[in-house]
Amino acid sequence: MNEEVNQPVMSPEEFEKECKEKGWTQAQLAKRWGFSDARRIRQIKANPSKNPHFIDAIKGLPYLLKK
Protein backbone atom coordinates (compact mmCIF):
# COMPACT_ATOMS: atom_id res chain seq x y z
CA MET A 1 0.00 0.00 0.00
CA ASN A 2 1.87 3.03 -1.29
CA GLU A 3 -0.62 5.82 -1.88
CA GLU A 4 0.35 9.37 -2.81
CA VAL A 5 -0.55 11.84 -0.04
CA ASN A 6 -1.24 15.48 -0.82
CA GLN A 7 1.07 17.80 1.08
CA PRO A 8 -0.87 20.43 3.02
CA VAL A 9 0.01 24.09 2.58
CA MET A 10 -0.45 26.87 5.13
CA SER A 11 0.42 30.52 4.61
CA PRO A 12 1.99 32.58 7.41
CA GLU A 13 -1.34 34.40 7.76
CA GLU A 14 -3.27 31.13 8.13
CA PHE A 15 -0.73 29.89 10.69
CA GLU A 16 -1.08 33.09 12.72
CA LYS A 17 -4.89 33.02 12.49
CA GLU A 18 -5.04 29.40 13.69
CA CYS A 19 -2.86 30.25 16.71
CA LYS A 20 -4.85 33.34 17.63
CA GLU A 21 -8.23 31.62 17.24
CA LYS A 22 -7.10 28.95 19.68
CA GLY A 23 -5.62 31.48 22.12
CA TRP A 24 -1.93 30.59 21.70
CA THR A 25 0.95 33.07 21.67
CA GLN A 26 4.16 32.24 19.83
CA ALA A 27 5.98 32.00 23.17
CA GLN A 28 3.43 29.50 24.50
CA LEU A 29 3.62 27.48 21.30
CA ALA A 30 7.42 27.42 21.43
CA LYS A 31 7.30 26.06 24.98
CA ARG A 32 4.64 23.50 24.04
CA TRP A 33 6.71 22.26 21.08
CA GLY A 34 9.96 22.16 23.06
CA PHE A 35 11.75 25.16 21.53
CA SER A 36 13.78 27.54 23.70
CA ASP A 37 12.11 30.68 22.36
CA ALA A 38 9.52 32.01 19.92
CA ARG A 39 12.12 32.71 17.23
CA ARG A 40 11.76 29.14 15.91
CA ILE A 41 7.97 29.52 15.73
CA ARG A 42 8.39 32.69 13.64
CA GLN A 43 10.73 30.78 11.30
CA ILE A 44 8.25 27.92 10.94
CA LYS A 45 5.36 30.33 10.37
CA ALA A 46 7.27 32.24 7.66
CA ASN A 47 8.45 29.15 5.77
CA PRO A 48 6.21 28.69 2.70
CA SER A 49 7.20 25.01 2.46
CA LYS A 50 6.96 24.21 6.17
CA ASN A 51 7.03 20.56 7.18
CA PRO A 52 3.50 19.11 7.08
CA HIS A 53 3.79 17.85 10.66
CA PHE A 54 3.83 21.48 11.85
CA ILE A 55 0.62 22.14 9.92
CA ASP A 56 -0.98 19.06 11.45
CA ALA A 57 0.26 20.11 14.89
CA ILE A 58 -1.10 23.66 14.65
CA LYS A 59 -4.49 22.41 13.46
CA GLY A 60 -4.60 19.91 16.32
CA LEU A 61 -3.79 22.39 19.10
CA PRO A 62 -6.36 22.56 21.86
CA TYR A 63 -8.18 25.82 22.57
CA LEU A 64 -6.81 27.63 25.60
CA LEU A 65 -9.27 28.87 28.15
CA LYS A 66 -9.06 32.50 29.19
CA LYS A 67 -8.42 32.97 32.91
C-alpha atoms as a PDB file:
ATOM      1  CA  MET A   1       0.000   0.000   0.000  1.00  0.00           C
ATOM      2  CA  ASN A   2       1.870   3.029  -1.287  1.00  0.00           C
ATOM      3  CA  GLU A   3      -0.618   5.822  -1.885  1.00  0.00           C
ATOM      4  CA  GLU A   4       0.347   9.370  -2.807  1.00  0.00           C
ATOM      5  CA  VAL A   5      -0.552  11.841  -0.039  1.00  0.00           C
ATOM      6  CA  ASN A   6      -1.245  15.481  -0.820  1.00  0.00           C
ATOM      7  CA  GLN A   7       1.069  17.800   1.079  1.00  0.00           C
ATOM      8  CA  PRO A   8      -0.866  20.430   3.023  1.00  0.00           C
ATOM      9  CA  VAL A   9       0.011  24.094   2.577  1.00  0.00           C
ATOM     10  CA  MET A  10      -0.452  26.868   5.131  1.00  0.00           C
ATOM     11  CA  SER A  11       0.423  30.520   4.610  1.00  0.00           C
ATOM     12  CA  PRO A  12       1.990  32.576   7.408  1.00  0.00           C
ATOM     13  CA  GLU A  13      -1.342  34.405   7.762  1.00  0.00           C
ATOM     14  CA  GLU A  14      -3.269  31.133   8.130  1.00  0.00           C
ATOM     15  CA  PHE A  15      -0.733  29.888  10.695  1.00  0.00           C
ATOM     16  CA  GLU A  16      -1.085  33.092  12.725  1.00  0.00           C
ATOM     17  CA  LYS A  17      -4.891  33.017  12.488  1.00  0.00           C
ATOM     18  CA  GLU A  18      -5.044  29.404  13.688  1.00  0.00           C
ATOM     19  CA  CYS A  19      -2.857  30.253  16.708  1.00  0.00           C
ATOM     20  CA  LYS A  20      -4.851  33.340  17.635  1.00  0.00           C
ATOM     21  CA  GLU A  21      -8.233  31.623  17.242  1.00  0.00           C
ATOM     22  CA  LYS A  22      -7.096  28.952  19.684  1.00  0.00           C
ATOM     23  CA  GLY A  23      -5.620  31.476  22.122  1.00  0.00           C
ATOM     24  CA  TRP A  24      -1.931  30.595  21.701  1.00  0.00           C
ATOM     25  CA  THR A  25       0.950  33.065  21.675  1.00  0.00           C
ATOM     26  CA  GLN A  26       4.158  32.242  19.828  1.00  0.00           C
ATOM     27  CA  ALA A  27       5.982  32.003  23.169  1.00  0.00           C
ATOM     28  CA  GLN A  28       3.434  29.498  24.501  1.00  0.00           C
ATOM     29  CA  LEU A  29       3.618  27.482  21.303  1.00  0.00           C
ATOM     30  CA  ALA A  30       7.423  27.421  21.433  1.00  0.00           C
ATOM     31  CA  LYS A  31       7.303  26.062  24.979  1.00  0.00           C
ATOM     32  CA  ARG A  32       4.639  23.497  24.036  1.00  0.00           C
ATOM     33  CA  TRP A  33       6.709  22.258  21.083  1.00  0.00           C
ATOM     34  CA  GLY A  34       9.963  22.165  23.065  1.00  0.00           C
ATOM     35  CA  PHE A  35      11.752  25.162  21.532  1.00  0.00           C
ATOM     36  CA  SER A  36      13.780  27.535  23.695  1.00  0.00           C
ATOM     37  CA  ASP A  37      12.109  30.684  22.363  1.00  0.00           C
ATOM     38  CA  ALA A  38       9.520  32.008  19.924  1.00  0.00           C
ATOM     39  CA  ARG A  39      12.122  32.709  17.231  1.00  0.00           C
ATOM     40  CA  ARG A  40      11.763  29.137  15.914  1.00  0.00           C
ATOM     41  CA  ILE A  41       7.972  29.519  15.727  1.00  0.00           C
ATOM     42  CA  ARG A  42       8.392  32.693  13.643  1.00  0.00           C
ATOM     43  CA  GLN A  43      10.725  30.777  11.298  1.00  0.00           C
ATOM     44  CA  ILE A  44       8.249  27.919  10.937  1.00  0.00           C
ATOM     45  CA  LYS A  45       5.362  30.331  10.368  1.00  0.00           C
ATOM     46  CA  ALA A  46       7.266  32.243   7.661  1.00  0.00           C
ATOM     47  CA  ASN A  47       8.449  29.150   5.770  1.00  0.00           C
ATOM     48  CA  PRO A  48       6.209  28.689   2.698  1.00  0.00           C
ATOM     49  CA  SER A  49       7.201  25.007   2.459  1.00  0.00           C
ATOM     50  CA  LYS A  50       6.961  24.206   6.168  1.00  0.00           C
ATOM     51  CA  ASN A  51       7.032  20.565   7.180  1.00  0.00           C
ATOM     52  CA  PRO A  52       3.504  19.113   7.081  1.00  0.00           C
ATOM     53  CA  HIS A  53       3.792  17.846  10.656  1.00  0.00           C
ATOM     54  CA  PHE A  54       3.828  21.480  11.845  1.00  0.00           C
ATOM     55  CA  ILE A  55       0.622  22.140   9.915  1.00  0.00           C
ATOM     56  CA  ASP A  56      -0.979  19.056  11.454  1.00  0.00           C
ATOM     57  CA  ALA A  57       0.257  20.108  14.892  1.00  0.00           C
ATOM     58  CA  ILE A  58      -1.101  23.657  14.650  1.00  0.00           C
ATOM     59  CA  LYS A  59      -4.487  22.407  13.455  1.00  0.00           C
ATOM     60  CA  GLY A  60      -4.597  19.913  16.320  1.00  0.00           C
ATOM     61  CA  LEU A  61      -3.788  22.385  19.101  1.00  0.00           C
ATOM     62  CA  PRO A  62      -6.356  22.564  21.862  1.00  0.00           C
ATOM     63  CA  TYR A  63      -8.183  25.819  22.573  1.00  0.00           C
ATOM     64  CA  LEU A  64      -6.808  27.629  25.596  1.00  0.00           C
ATOM     65  CA  LEU A  65      -9.272  28.873  28.154  1.00  0.00           C
ATOM     66  CA  LYS A  66      -9.055  32.503  29.187  1.00  0.00           C
ATOM     67  CA  LYS A  67      -8.416  32.969  32.907  1.00  0.00           C
END
